[in-house]
Amino acid sequence: MTSNKTLSQWVAQVARHTQADKVHWCDGSDAEYRDLVKGMLATGMLAELNRTTHPNCYLHRSDPQDVARVEHLTFICSRSRDDAGPNNHWMDPAAAHAKIDALFAGSMRGRTLYVIPYCMGPIDSPLARCGVEITDSPYVVANMKIMTRMGKAALQRIEKEGKFVKGLHSTGDLNPERRFIMHFPEELSIKSFGSGYGGNALLGKKCHALRIASWQARSEGWLAEHMLIVGIQNPQDEIRYVAAAFPSACGKTNLAMLIPPASHQGWKVWTVGDDICWMHLGEDGRLWAINPEAGYFGVVPGTNPKTNKNAFDMIRHDTIFTNVAVTADNQPWWEGLKDGTPVTDWKGEPYKPGNGKAAHPNSRFTVSAKQNPSYSPHAEDAHGVPISAIIFGGRRAEMTPLVYEARDWTHGVLIGAGAASETTAAATGQVGVVRRDPMAMKPFCGYNFADYWNHWLSFNKRSSKLPKIFHVNWFRQGPDGKFLWPGFGENLRVLRWILDRCDGKAQALSTPIGFLPADGAVDTHDLDVSAETMRTLLTVDREKWQAEIRAMQEYFQGYGPRMPAKLLAELQATQTALAK
């Protein structure tokens, strides 16, 4: 089925080892997708939803013990433990192969082995990278059809280039005691066993596009980041692009699909990507970005016409839902919807109010990016889009201003490296616990964070036209515990200041932590936010920031001698400025 001997020999070897009943090479066609869906409907792996309200939509219910990523069972298997770093779980490659290969032995007996050639990024882009996933799950194949450029065109590119990332997956028996996700960065390979959940099983996503790709990016001189990409078009039809990294529960998806408020007639926001961003230096010295994905695998609870109308509209048809509830007329339902009443919960059992969530908190939708009403016409550009600004964000109730700008690239890398967010009750049961999540990459960086930060710093030597770096915090609270900033579409006002700063237009004040908007620089016209509230949103509390710097110093100590001296010096400079 392929002229690539390495690929054909690997498939044959896996088929023998797993004792698969048959081998199917995926062509990525719509007819193949329909056949897969038909087969899963017959076995009960999928259930069809209301054809009138949600045409071509299906529901998949996971095993109740297999509903999320398993970070404690996710390993980076580099030859050196230090190369994996304290930010990753590590296992010796030989030991890892032996452990997981024993689980794969005979695991596909009675099943079909699917070969999925796929491309992460536009199929004709020199910035894209290819992979092949072998799996025994038709659910994974259907999702990979939506999430990647999968099939014949990807296989042709693999045969032309002669290289690809190897991904081997089996659901096994879904026993959590026999579940591992192992990454072998030096081999550009992934092995995942015992889970059917997307983050563990759709190997093109976090496994390839971040953990393996971040390793590739360092060796090849680019960046693989957990960032959205949006284009912001002003009334003069000028479009500028920003990339932004946010930990969970910080509004990443909402920003990726932001709808300008009524006060901003003539403005448009275009979605290039909602989750992952690959950035390369162009010949012009600017960073150019592609979204390696072709679809969205989003968390659905809380999605409604008010919070994210674009997302709500795009999942009304041709969508795979995972672990949502169902109404009496067979419509998907999740917490955050005003209409409808769930009668069956995410486990397929009768729903009883007061007996837990009807939809799982991590329930998902898988949908083609092209169904997004704000889908960018430049999302498939082979050379990518030029990035004007990089934004880091977090959820902080008191300390972090609404927005501030880094002094320069090195300071911006420090801002990203020190990024942190306060937990919510929904996340951990504890409120306000600060968790470090550098560049929002804590679960996804495929190597030592200290080396990763050094790689970021190296770009300053390669170009003088790098994007400006900023930090935002939509979640500053007043004494009453209410948010001071309205958020959602109004965040465009902050993005406007950011882009004006990139153009040298907007006014800013120099502070010990960076540049903050001057009074009136953020447009609050027709917004119910007082001048006093804006001063609070843009206040730098030196005492709290000194404590923050000490916490960052303690965190960085964990990376030992590999920690970049430039970042430590930048941190010391900030501390000195705060003490004046």
Protein backbone atom coordinates (compact mmCIF):
# COMPACT_ATOMS: atom_id res chain seq x y z
CA MET A 1 0.00 0.00 0.00
CA THR A 2 3.04 2.27 0.06
CA SER A 3 6.36 2.64 -1.70
CA ASN A 4 8.04 3.65 1.58
CA LYS A 5 9.81 0.52 2.79
CA THR A 6 10.27 1.80 6.34
CA LEU A 7 6.55 2.39 6.64
CA SER A 8 5.46 -0.89 5.04
CA GLN A 9 7.90 -2.92 7.17
CA TRP A 10 6.76 -1.15 10.34
CA VAL A 11 3.08 -1.81 9.60
CA ALA A 12 3.82 -5.48 8.89
CA GLN A 13 5.83 -5.84 12.11
CA VAL A 14 3.09 -4.23 14.21
CA ALA A 15 0.41 -6.38 12.57
CA ARG A 16 2.35 -9.53 13.48
CA HIS A 17 3.07 -8.39 17.03
CA THR A 18 -0.50 -7.26 17.77
CA GLN A 19 -2.03 -10.20 15.84
CA ALA A 20 -4.49 -7.92 14.08
CA ASP A 21 -7.21 -9.65 12.08
CA LYS A 22 -6.80 -7.35 9.10
CA VAL A 23 -5.03 -4.17 8.02
CA HIS A 24 -6.83 -1.16 6.56
CA TRP A 25 -4.89 1.69 4.97
CA CYS A 26 -6.94 4.86 5.42
CA ASP A 27 -7.46 7.03 2.35
CA GLY A 28 -9.16 9.91 4.19
CA SER A 29 -12.18 9.95 1.89
CA ASP A 30 -15.69 10.98 2.89
CA ALA A 31 -16.92 7.53 1.83
CA GLU A 32 -14.45 5.92 4.23
CA TYR A 33 -15.68 8.19 7.04
CA ARG A 34 -19.30 7.24 6.34
CA ASP A 35 -18.39 3.53 6.42
CA LEU A 36 -16.58 3.98 9.73
CA VAL A 37 -19.59 5.77 11.23
CA LYS A 38 -21.94 3.08 9.93
CA GLY A 39 -19.82 0.39 11.54
CA MET A 40 -19.63 2.21 14.87
CA LEU A 41 -23.40 2.77 14.89
CA ALA A 42 -23.85 -0.97 14.37
CA THR A 43 -21.58 -1.85 17.31
CA GLY A 44 -22.91 0.88 19.61
CA MET A 45 -19.59 2.76 19.71
CA LEU A 46 -21.51 5.73 18.31
CA ALA A 47 -25.14 6.78 18.67
CA GLU A 48 -26.84 9.06 16.15
CA LEU A 49 -28.25 12.29 17.53
CA ASN A 50 -31.38 14.19 16.43
CA ARG A 51 -31.17 14.38 12.63
CA THR A 52 -33.36 17.50 12.45
CA THR A 53 -31.60 19.65 15.03
CA HIS A 54 -28.09 18.14 14.70
CA PRO A 55 -27.66 16.52 11.28
CA ASN A 56 -24.71 14.15 10.92
CA CYS A 57 -23.90 14.45 14.64
CA TYR A 58 -22.99 11.47 16.78
CA LEU A 59 -22.39 10.66 20.43
CA HIS A 60 -19.56 8.55 21.78
CA ARG A 61 -19.51 7.44 25.41
CA SER A 62 -16.14 6.64 26.92
CA ASP A 63 -15.38 4.12 29.58
CA PRO A 64 -16.00 6.03 32.85
CA GLN A 65 -12.35 5.43 33.80
CA ASP A 66 -11.08 6.87 30.52
CA VAL A 67 -12.26 10.46 30.23
CA ALA A 68 -9.15 12.68 30.34
CA ARG A 69 -5.42 12.93 29.74
CA VAL A 70 -3.36 10.97 32.27
CA GLU A 71 -0.32 13.11 32.97
CA HIS A 72 1.04 10.75 35.64
CA LEU A 73 1.15 7.96 33.03
CA THR A 74 2.65 10.12 30.29
CA PHE A 75 6.40 9.74 29.83
CA ILE A 76 9.21 11.36 27.88
CA CYS A 77 11.64 8.54 27.10
CA SER A 78 14.81 10.38 26.14
CA ARG A 79 18.18 8.71 26.58
CA SER A 80 19.11 11.18 29.31
CA ARG A 81 16.81 11.89 32.26
CA ASP A 82 18.15 15.46 32.36
CA ASP A 83 17.01 16.02 28.77
CA ALA A 84 13.43 15.25 29.85
CA GLY A 85 13.79 17.63 32.79
CA PRO A 86 11.91 17.97 36.08
CA ASN A 87 8.84 19.11 34.14
CA ASN A 88 8.34 15.59 32.72
CA HIS A 89 7.98 12.02 33.90
CA TRP A 90 10.92 10.07 32.47
CA MET A 91 11.55 6.44 31.62
CA ASP A 92 14.60 4.82 30.05
CA PRO A 93 13.80 4.16 26.36
CA ALA A 94 14.77 0.49 26.41
CA ALA A 95 12.74 -0.16 29.55
CA ALA A 96 9.81 1.82 28.15
CA HIS A 97 9.77 -0.11 24.88
CA ALA A 98 9.91 -3.42 26.72
CA LYS A 99 7.09 -2.48 29.09
CA ILE A 100 4.67 -1.17 26.50
CA ASP A 101 5.54 -3.67 23.75
CA ALA A 102 4.55 -6.45 26.13
CA LEU A 103 1.13 -4.83 26.42
CA PHE A 104 0.78 -4.52 22.64
CA ALA A 105 1.45 -8.25 22.13
CA GLY A 106 -1.80 -9.73 20.78
CA SER A 107 -3.75 -6.58 21.64
CA MET A 108 -5.43 -6.31 18.21
CA ARG A 109 -6.56 -9.92 17.99
CA GLY A 110 -10.09 -9.84 16.56
CA ARG A 111 -9.69 -6.20 15.55
CA THR A 112 -8.79 -4.19 12.46
CA LEU A 113 -5.45 -2.40 12.39
CA TYR A 114 -5.94 1.02 10.81
CA VAL A 115 -3.00 2.84 9.19
CA ILE A 116 -3.55 6.61 9.27
CA PRO A 117 -1.13 8.75 7.22
CA TYR A 118 -1.65 12.37 8.24
CA CYS A 119 -0.17 15.83 7.81
CA MET A 120 0.01 18.39 10.61
CA GLY A 121 -0.35 21.69 8.81
CA PRO A 122 -1.43 22.62 5.27
CA ILE A 123 -0.58 19.72 3.01
CA ASP A 124 1.62 21.83 0.73
CA SER A 125 3.30 23.85 3.49
CA PRO A 126 7.04 23.53 4.07
CA LEU A 127 6.23 24.29 7.72
CA ALA A 128 4.02 21.18 8.06
CA ARG A 129 5.22 17.80 9.33
CA CYS A 130 3.78 14.35 8.65
CA GLY A 131 3.07 11.31 10.75
CA VAL A 132 1.45 7.90 10.65
CA GLU A 133 -0.74 6.57 13.43
CA ILE A 134 -1.52 2.89 13.72
CA THR A 135 -4.62 2.22 15.82
CA ASP A 136 -7.30 -0.38 16.43
CA SER A 137 -9.98 2.24 17.18
CA PRO A 138 -12.39 3.36 14.43
CA TYR A 139 -13.36 6.25 16.76
CA VAL A 140 -9.75 7.45 16.59
CA VAL A 141 -9.75 7.17 12.79
CA ALA A 142 -12.95 9.23 12.52
CA ASN A 143 -11.55 11.92 14.81
CA MET A 144 -8.21 12.00 13.00
CA LYS A 145 -10.13 12.51 9.74
CA ILE A 146 -11.56 15.70 11.27
CA MET A 147 -8.48 16.85 13.20
CA THR A 148 -5.76 16.37 10.56
CA ARG A 149 -5.15 16.38 6.82
CA MET A 150 -5.41 12.61 6.64
CA GLY A 151 -5.20 10.09 3.82
CA LYS A 152 -3.79 9.82 0.30
CA ALA A 153 -2.28 13.31 0.03
CA ALA A 154 -0.45 12.87 3.35
CA LEU A 155 0.85 9.46 2.28
CA GLN A 156 2.12 10.94 -0.99
CA ARG A 157 4.02 13.61 0.93
CA ILE A 158 5.48 10.98 3.28
CA GLU A 159 6.65 8.94 0.29
CA LYS A 160 8.20 12.04 -1.27
CA GLU A 161 9.97 13.22 1.90
CA GLY A 162 10.81 9.78 3.27
CA LYS A 163 10.27 10.74 6.92
CA PHE A 164 7.40 10.75 9.37
CA VAL A 165 6.56 10.53 13.08
CA LYS A 166 5.53 7.00 14.10
CA GLY A 167 2.53 6.69 16.41
CA LEU A 168 1.30 3.32 17.68
CA HIS A 169 -1.97 3.12 19.61
CA SER A 170 -4.28 0.46 20.95
CA THR A 171 -7.21 0.82 23.31
CA GLY A 172 -6.23 -2.51 24.82
CA ASP A 173 -8.72 -3.49 27.51
CA LEU A 174 -9.00 0.11 28.86
CA ASN A 175 -7.57 -1.05 32.17
CA PRO A 176 -6.10 2.05 33.89
CA GLU A 177 -3.45 -0.21 35.43
CA ARG A 178 -2.31 -1.08 31.90
CA ARG A 179 -2.30 2.44 30.46
CA PHE A 180 0.77 4.36 29.27
CA ILE A 181 1.50 7.19 26.83
CA MET A 182 5.19 7.10 25.95
CA HIS A 183 7.15 9.50 23.76
CA PHE A 184 10.55 8.70 22.25
CA PRO A 185 11.71 12.09 20.94
CA GLU A 186 15.08 10.95 19.61
CA GLU A 187 13.23 8.30 17.57
CA LEU A 188 10.34 10.63 16.61
CA SER A 189 7.90 8.00 17.82
CA ILE A 190 4.97 7.62 20.21
CA LYS A 191 3.38 4.57 21.80
CA SER A 192 0.02 4.83 23.55
CA PHE A 193 -1.80 1.91 25.14
CA GLY A 194 -4.96 1.44 27.16
CA SER A 195 -6.91 4.65 26.48
CA GLY A 196 -9.42 5.76 23.89
CA TYR A 197 -9.58 9.36 25.14
CA GLY A 198 -8.64 11.95 22.52
CA GLY A 199 -5.66 13.52 24.27
CA ASN A 200 -4.16 10.06 24.78
CA ALA A 201 -5.30 8.43 21.53
CA LEU A 202 -5.37 11.08 18.79
CA LEU A 203 -1.62 10.98 18.49
CA GLY A 204 -1.40 13.85 16.01
CA LYS A 205 -2.63 16.27 18.68
CA LYS A 206 -0.76 16.83 21.95
CA CYS A 207 1.59 13.85 21.47
CA HIS A 208 2.91 14.79 18.04
CA ALA A 209 2.02 18.46 17.59
CA LEU A 210 3.48 19.50 20.96
CA ARG A 211 5.60 16.90 22.79
CA ILE A 212 7.42 15.47 19.77
CA ALA A 213 7.17 18.66 17.71
CA SER A 214 8.70 20.79 20.48
CA TRP A 215 11.76 18.50 20.36
CA GLN A 216 11.78 18.68 16.55
CA ALA A 217 11.39 22.46 16.69
CA ARG A 218 14.44 22.92 18.88
CA SER A 219 16.63 20.80 16.59
CA GLU A 220 15.27 22.47 13.44
CA GLY A 221 15.11 26.04 14.74
CA TRP A 222 11.38 26.78 15.12
CA LEU A 223 8.74 26.82 17.89
CA ALA A 224 5.88 24.38 18.60
CA GLU A 225 3.54 26.08 21.05
CA HIS A 226 0.25 25.59 22.91
CA MET A 227 -1.18 28.79 21.44
CA LEU A 228 -4.20 30.05 19.55
CA ILE A 229 -3.73 32.14 16.40
CA VAL A 230 -6.18 34.91 15.51
CA GLY A 231 -6.29 37.60 12.86
CA ILE A 232 -7.71 40.98 13.89
CA GLN A 233 -9.11 43.07 11.05
CA ASN A 234 -9.73 46.78 11.60
CA PRO A 235 -12.26 48.94 9.72
CA GLN A 236 -9.53 49.81 7.20
CA ASP A 237 -9.36 46.07 6.31
CA GLU A 238 -5.85 45.67 7.74
CA ILE A 239 -5.33 42.25 9.35
CA ARG A 240 -2.70 41.59 11.98
CA TYR A 241 -2.15 38.28 13.74
CA VAL A 242 -1.46 37.39 17.36
CA ALA A 243 -0.56 34.10 19.03
CA ALA A 244 -1.68 33.57 22.61
CA ALA A 245 -1.04 30.96 25.31
CA PHE A 246 -3.43 30.39 28.21
CA PRO A 247 -3.70 27.65 30.84
CA SER A 248 -7.06 25.88 31.11
CA ALA A 249 -10.08 27.88 32.33
CA CYS A 250 -8.59 31.18 31.13
CA GLY A 251 -10.73 31.86 28.08
CA LYS A 252 -8.49 30.52 25.33
CA THR A 253 -11.25 29.15 23.08
CA ASN A 254 -13.41 32.24 23.60
CA LEU A 255 -10.55 34.49 22.52
CA ALA A 256 -9.81 32.31 19.50
CA MET A 257 -13.40 32.81 18.31
CA LEU A 258 -14.01 36.31 19.70
CA ILE A 259 -16.95 38.23 18.28
CA PRO A 260 -16.43 42.01 18.31
CA PRO A 261 -18.94 43.88 20.49
CA ALA A 262 -21.58 46.17 19.02
CA SER A 263 -19.36 49.16 19.81
CA HIS A 264 -16.77 47.90 17.32
CA GLN A 265 -18.53 48.11 13.99
CA GLY A 266 -16.21 47.26 11.11
CA TRP A 267 -13.92 45.07 13.19
CA LYS A 268 -13.59 41.33 12.52
CA VAL A 269 -11.72 38.51 14.23
CA TRP A 270 -10.53 35.55 12.16
CA THR A 271 -9.65 32.17 13.69
CA VAL A 272 -6.53 30.53 12.31
CA GLY A 273 -6.19 28.10 15.23
CA ASP A 274 -7.62 27.55 18.70
CA ASP A 275 -5.00 25.38 20.37
CA ILE A 276 -1.63 24.76 18.71
CA CYS A 277 0.75 27.08 16.84
CA TRP A 278 3.93 26.28 14.95
CA MET A 279 6.11 29.34 14.33
CA HIS A 280 9.07 29.61 11.95
CA LEU A 281 11.31 32.55 11.15
CA GLY A 282 10.64 33.80 7.65
CA GLU A 283 13.17 35.26 5.26
CA ASP A 284 11.92 38.69 6.34
CA GLY A 285 12.92 38.02 9.97
CA ARG A 286 9.34 37.81 11.20
CA LEU A 287 7.76 34.79 12.88
CA TRP A 288 5.25 33.08 10.60
CA ALA A 289 2.71 30.68 12.10
CA ILE A 290 0.58 27.78 10.96
CA ASN A 291 -2.08 25.84 12.81
CA PRO A 292 -1.01 22.20 12.47
CA GLU A 293 -4.57 21.03 13.14
CA ALA A 294 -7.56 20.94 10.77
CA GLY A 295 -10.25 20.69 13.43
CA TYR A 296 -11.19 21.43 17.03
CA PHE A 297 -11.32 18.97 19.91
CA GLY A 298 -12.95 21.34 22.38
CA VAL A 299 -14.41 21.20 25.86
CA VAL A 300 -18.15 21.68 25.38
CA PRO A 301 -19.61 22.51 28.85
CA GLY A 302 -20.23 26.24 29.14
CA THR A 303 -20.51 26.68 25.37
CA ASN A 304 -23.63 28.66 24.47
CA PRO A 305 -24.66 31.62 22.28
CA LYS A 306 -23.54 34.11 24.93
CA THR A 307 -20.12 32.68 25.83
CA ASN A 308 -19.03 31.56 22.35
CA LYS A 309 -21.62 31.91 19.59
CA ASN A 310 -19.23 30.82 16.85
CA ALA A 311 -18.40 27.57 18.64
CA PHE A 312 -22.07 26.98 19.47
CA ASP A 313 -23.12 27.49 15.86
CA MET A 314 -20.42 25.33 14.32
CA ILE A 315 -21.28 22.23 16.37
CA ARG A 316 -24.91 22.13 15.23
CA HIS A 317 -24.00 19.73 12.43
CA ASP A 318 -21.30 17.23 11.35
CA THR A 319 -19.83 16.90 14.84
CA ILE A 320 -18.73 14.02 17.06
CA PHE A 321 -19.70 14.62 20.69
CA THR A 322 -18.01 12.69 23.48
CA ASN A 323 -19.51 12.19 26.96
CA VAL A 324 -22.33 14.73 26.77
CA ALA A 325 -25.86 14.14 28.08
CA VAL A 326 -28.94 13.63 25.91
CA THR A 327 -32.44 15.13 26.02
CA ALA A 328 -35.74 13.29 25.50
CA ASP A 329 -35.73 14.24 21.80
CA ASN A 330 -32.16 12.99 21.40
CA GLN A 331 -30.34 16.34 21.33
CA PRO A 332 -26.90 16.68 22.94
CA TRP A 333 -26.96 18.57 26.24
CA TRP A 334 -24.34 19.97 28.59
CA GLU A 335 -24.13 22.34 31.51
CA GLY A 336 -24.33 25.94 30.32
CA LEU A 337 -27.26 25.44 27.94
CA LYS A 338 -30.44 27.34 28.78
CA ASP A 339 -32.70 25.17 26.64
CA GLY A 340 -33.45 21.49 26.97
CA THR A 341 -33.54 19.04 29.85
CA PRO A 342 -31.21 16.05 30.08
CA VAL A 343 -32.84 12.67 30.56
CA THR A 344 -29.74 10.52 30.01
CA ASP A 345 -26.35 11.36 31.50
CA TRP A 346 -22.92 10.99 29.94
CA LYS A 347 -22.66 7.39 31.14
CA GLY A 348 -25.90 6.48 29.36
CA GLU A 349 -27.85 6.20 32.59
CA PRO A 350 -31.10 7.99 33.53
CA TYR A 351 -30.22 11.48 34.75
CA LYS A 352 -31.32 12.43 38.24
CA PRO A 353 -31.01 16.13 39.21
CA GLY A 354 -28.72 16.65 42.16
CA ASN A 355 -26.81 13.46 41.38
CA GLY A 356 -23.76 15.00 39.74
CA LYS A 357 -23.22 16.59 36.33
CA ALA A 358 -25.32 15.39 33.42
CA ALA A 359 -22.45 15.92 30.97
CA HIS A 360 -18.91 15.07 31.99
CA PRO A 361 -16.95 18.27 32.85
CA ASN A 362 -14.39 17.24 30.21
CA SER A 363 -16.97 16.28 27.58
CA ARG A 364 -15.85 17.22 24.09
CA PHE A 365 -16.78 18.09 20.54
CA THR A 366 -14.75 17.21 17.45
CA VAL A 367 -15.53 19.39 14.45
CA SER A 368 -13.86 20.62 11.28
CA ALA A 369 -12.30 24.07 11.63
CA LYS A 370 -13.95 25.05 8.34
CA GLN A 371 -17.36 25.00 10.10
CA ASN A 372 -16.31 27.91 12.31
CA PRO A 373 -18.08 31.09 11.09
CA SER A 374 -14.86 33.01 11.87
CA TYR A 375 -12.58 30.55 10.04
CA SER A 376 -9.74 32.51 8.50
CA PRO A 377 -9.41 32.51 4.71
CA HIS A 378 -5.65 32.36 5.36
CA ALA A 379 -5.73 29.29 7.64
CA GLU A 380 -4.43 27.07 4.83
CA ASP A 381 -1.75 29.48 3.56
CA ALA A 382 1.35 27.38 2.97
CA HIS A 383 3.71 30.05 4.35
CA GLY A 384 1.51 30.74 7.39
CA VAL A 385 0.55 34.13 8.77
CA PRO A 386 2.92 36.79 10.24
CA ILE A 387 2.71 37.20 14.02
CA SER A 388 2.71 40.77 15.36
CA ALA A 389 2.33 39.94 19.06
CA ILE A 390 2.67 36.99 21.41
CA ILE A 391 0.38 37.03 24.44
CA PHE A 392 0.63 35.03 27.64
CA GLY A 393 -2.28 34.90 30.06
CA GLY A 394 -3.40 33.58 33.39
CA ARG A 395 -6.13 33.77 36.01
CA ARG A 396 -5.06 35.99 38.91
CA ALA A 397 -7.62 37.64 41.21
CA GLU A 398 -5.52 40.41 42.69
CA MET A 399 -1.96 40.84 41.52
CA THR A 400 -1.59 40.79 37.73
CA PRO A 401 -2.74 43.83 35.72
CA LEU A 402 -5.26 43.60 32.90
CA VAL A 403 -2.43 43.92 30.36
CA TYR A 404 1.26 44.77 30.30
CA GLU A 405 4.06 44.63 27.76
CA ALA A 406 7.49 43.10 28.11
CA ARG A 407 10.49 45.43 27.99
CA ASP A 408 12.11 43.32 25.28
CA TRP A 409 12.29 39.74 24.00
CA THR A 410 14.31 38.39 26.95
CA HIS A 411 11.91 39.95 29.45
CA GLY A 412 9.04 38.51 27.42
CA VAL A 413 10.51 35.02 27.67
CA LEU A 414 10.73 35.54 31.44
CA ILE A 415 7.06 36.56 31.53
CA GLY A 416 6.13 33.36 29.68
CA ALA A 417 8.43 31.18 31.79
CA GLY A 418 6.93 32.54 35.00
CA ALA A 419 3.32 32.34 33.85
CA ALA A 420 0.95 31.06 36.49
CA SER A 421 -2.75 30.75 37.13
CA GLU A 422 -4.94 30.40 40.19
CA THR A 423 -7.03 27.26 40.34
CA THR A 424 -10.80 27.30 40.40
CA ALA A 425 -13.01 25.09 42.56
CA ALA A 426 -14.13 23.23 39.45
CA ALA A 427 -10.54 22.32 38.67
CA THR A 428 -9.18 21.10 41.99
CA GLY A 429 -11.63 21.70 44.80
CA GLN A 430 -9.32 24.44 46.07
CA VAL A 431 -9.64 28.07 45.09
CA GLY A 432 -6.75 30.46 44.54
CA VAL A 433 -3.87 27.97 44.53
CA VAL A 434 -1.16 29.31 42.22
CA ARG A 435 0.13 26.78 39.69
CA ARG A 436 3.10 27.52 37.44
CA ASP A 437 2.37 26.73 33.83
CA PRO A 438 5.20 28.19 31.71
CA MET A 439 3.96 29.25 28.28
CA ALA A 440 0.89 27.06 29.08
CA MET A 441 3.20 24.15 28.12
CA LYS A 442 3.58 22.36 31.45
CA PRO A 443 1.93 19.09 30.32
CA PHE A 444 3.15 19.34 26.74
CA CYS A 445 6.82 20.34 26.48
CA GLY A 446 8.75 17.32 25.23
CA TYR A 447 12.03 18.20 26.94
CA ASN A 448 13.65 20.09 29.82
CA PHE A 449 11.98 23.47 30.36
CA ALA A 450 15.38 25.10 31.00
CA ASP A 451 16.54 24.04 27.52
CA TYR A 452 13.18 25.11 26.09
CA TRP A 453 13.58 28.63 27.52
CA ASN A 454 17.11 28.76 26.15
CA HIS A 455 15.69 27.88 22.75
CA TRP A 456 13.22 30.76 23.00
CA LEU A 457 16.04 33.13 23.99
CA SER A 458 18.07 32.08 20.94
CA PHE A 459 15.62 33.76 18.58
CA ASN A 460 16.81 37.15 19.78
CA LYS A 461 20.16 36.43 18.13
CA ARG A 462 18.55 35.40 14.86
CA SER A 463 16.21 38.31 14.19
CA SER A 464 15.55 41.93 15.09
CA LYS A 465 11.93 41.73 13.91
CA LEU A 466 10.46 39.43 16.55
CA PRO A 467 6.93 40.01 17.86
CA LYS A 468 6.38 42.09 20.97
CA ILE A 469 5.37 40.03 24.01
CA PHE A 470 2.48 40.84 26.35
CA HIS A 471 0.62 39.39 29.34
CA VAL A 472 -3.13 39.66 29.98
CA ASN A 473 -5.37 38.83 32.91
CA TRP A 474 -9.13 39.02 32.35
CA PHE A 475 -9.85 37.84 35.90
CA ARG A 476 -8.84 40.66 38.26
CA GLN A 477 -11.46 40.91 41.05
CA GLY A 478 -12.72 43.65 43.31
CA PRO A 479 -13.27 43.37 47.11
CA ASP A 480 -16.72 41.90 46.41
CA GLY A 481 -15.20 39.04 44.44
CA LYS A 482 -16.69 40.21 41.15
CA PHE A 483 -14.64 40.53 37.99
CA LEU A 484 -13.59 44.09 37.23
CA TRP A 485 -13.28 43.61 33.49
CA PRO A 486 -16.30 42.48 31.41
CA GLY A 487 -14.26 40.10 29.23
CA PHE A 488 -15.59 38.15 26.22
CA GLY A 489 -15.96 40.44 23.17
CA GLU A 490 -14.75 43.46 25.11
CA ASN A 491 -11.30 41.88 25.23
CA LEU A 492 -10.91 43.28 21.73
CA ARG A 493 -10.27 46.67 23.40
CA VAL A 494 -7.16 45.23 25.04
CA LEU A 495 -6.07 43.58 21.79
CA ARG A 496 -6.38 46.95 20.07
CA TRP A 497 -3.97 48.51 22.60
CA ILE A 498 -1.59 45.60 22.09
CA LEU A 499 -1.59 46.02 18.32
CA ASP A 500 -1.27 49.79 18.60
CA ARG A 501 1.81 49.24 20.78
CA CYS A 502 3.23 47.02 18.04
CA ASP A 503 2.73 49.92 15.65
CA GLY A 504 4.27 52.43 18.05
CA LYS A 505 0.99 54.31 18.47
CA ALA A 506 -0.50 53.66 21.93
CA GLN A 507 0.83 55.37 25.04
CA ALA A 508 2.31 53.36 27.91
CA LEU A 509 3.93 53.90 31.29
CA SER A 510 7.19 52.24 32.30
CA THR A 511 6.88 50.19 35.51
CA PRO A 512 9.13 47.61 37.21
CA ILE A 513 7.17 44.75 35.60
CA GLY A 514 6.96 46.23 32.09
CA PHE A 515 4.93 48.77 30.13
CA LEU A 516 1.33 49.38 31.20
CA PRO A 517 -1.32 51.38 29.32
CA ALA A 518 -1.34 55.08 30.13
CA ASP A 519 -4.58 56.62 31.43
CA GLY A 520 -7.15 56.44 28.67
CA ALA A 521 -4.95 54.34 26.35
CA VAL A 522 -7.36 51.39 26.54
CA ASP A 523 -10.61 52.52 24.93
CA THR A 524 -13.50 52.30 27.42
CA HIS A 525 -15.97 54.37 25.39
CA ASP A 526 -19.54 53.05 25.89
CA LEU A 527 -18.23 50.56 28.47
CA ASP A 528 -19.54 50.39 32.03
CA VAL A 529 -16.06 50.48 33.57
CA SER A 530 -15.11 53.54 35.61
CA ALA A 531 -11.79 55.37 35.57
CA GLU A 532 -11.24 54.18 39.14
CA THR A 533 -11.80 50.56 38.10
CA MET A 534 -9.33 50.98 35.25
CA ARG A 535 -6.73 52.31 37.69
CA THR A 536 -7.28 49.21 39.84
CA LEU A 537 -6.98 46.95 36.78
CA LEU A 538 -3.68 48.60 35.87
CA THR A 539 -2.15 48.86 39.34
CA VAL A 540 1.20 47.29 40.22
CA ASP A 541 1.26 46.29 43.89
CA ARG A 542 4.99 46.23 44.61
CA GLU A 543 4.71 44.12 47.76
CA LYS A 544 2.66 41.42 46.06
CA TRP A 545 4.94 41.46 43.05
CA GLN A 546 8.02 41.07 45.24
CA ALA A 547 6.41 37.95 46.70
CA GLU A 548 5.68 36.76 43.16
CA ILE A 549 9.33 37.23 42.17
CA ARG A 550 10.46 35.19 45.17
CA ALA A 551 8.05 32.41 44.17
CA MET A 552 9.43 32.45 40.63
CA GLN A 553 13.00 32.28 41.95
CA GLU A 554 12.10 29.24 44.03
CA TYR A 555 10.44 27.59 41.03
CA PHE A 556 13.42 28.21 38.74
CA GLN A 557 15.82 26.70 41.29
CA GLY A 558 14.31 23.32 40.45
CA TYR A 559 15.99 23.45 37.03
CA GLY A 560 19.49 23.63 38.45
CA PRO A 561 22.53 24.52 36.34
CA ARG A 562 20.62 24.27 33.05
CA MET A 563 18.55 27.31 33.99
CA PRO A 564 19.38 30.16 31.55
CA ALA A 565 21.50 32.79 33.28
CA LYS A 566 19.83 35.48 31.16
CA LEU A 567 16.43 34.71 32.66
CA LEU A 568 17.78 34.74 36.21
CA ALA A 569 19.46 38.08 35.54
CA GLU A 570 16.23 39.47 34.10
CA LEU A 571 14.33 38.27 37.16
CA GLN A 572 16.89 39.94 39.42
CA ALA A 573 16.55 43.18 37.46
CA THR A 574 12.79 43.13 38.00
CA GLN A 575 13.25 42.45 41.70
CA THR A 576 15.70 45.35 42.01
CA ALA A 577 13.31 47.70 40.22
CA LEU A 578 10.46 46.70 42.51
CA ALA A 579 12.57 47.42 45.60
CA LYS A 580 13.29 51.04 44.60
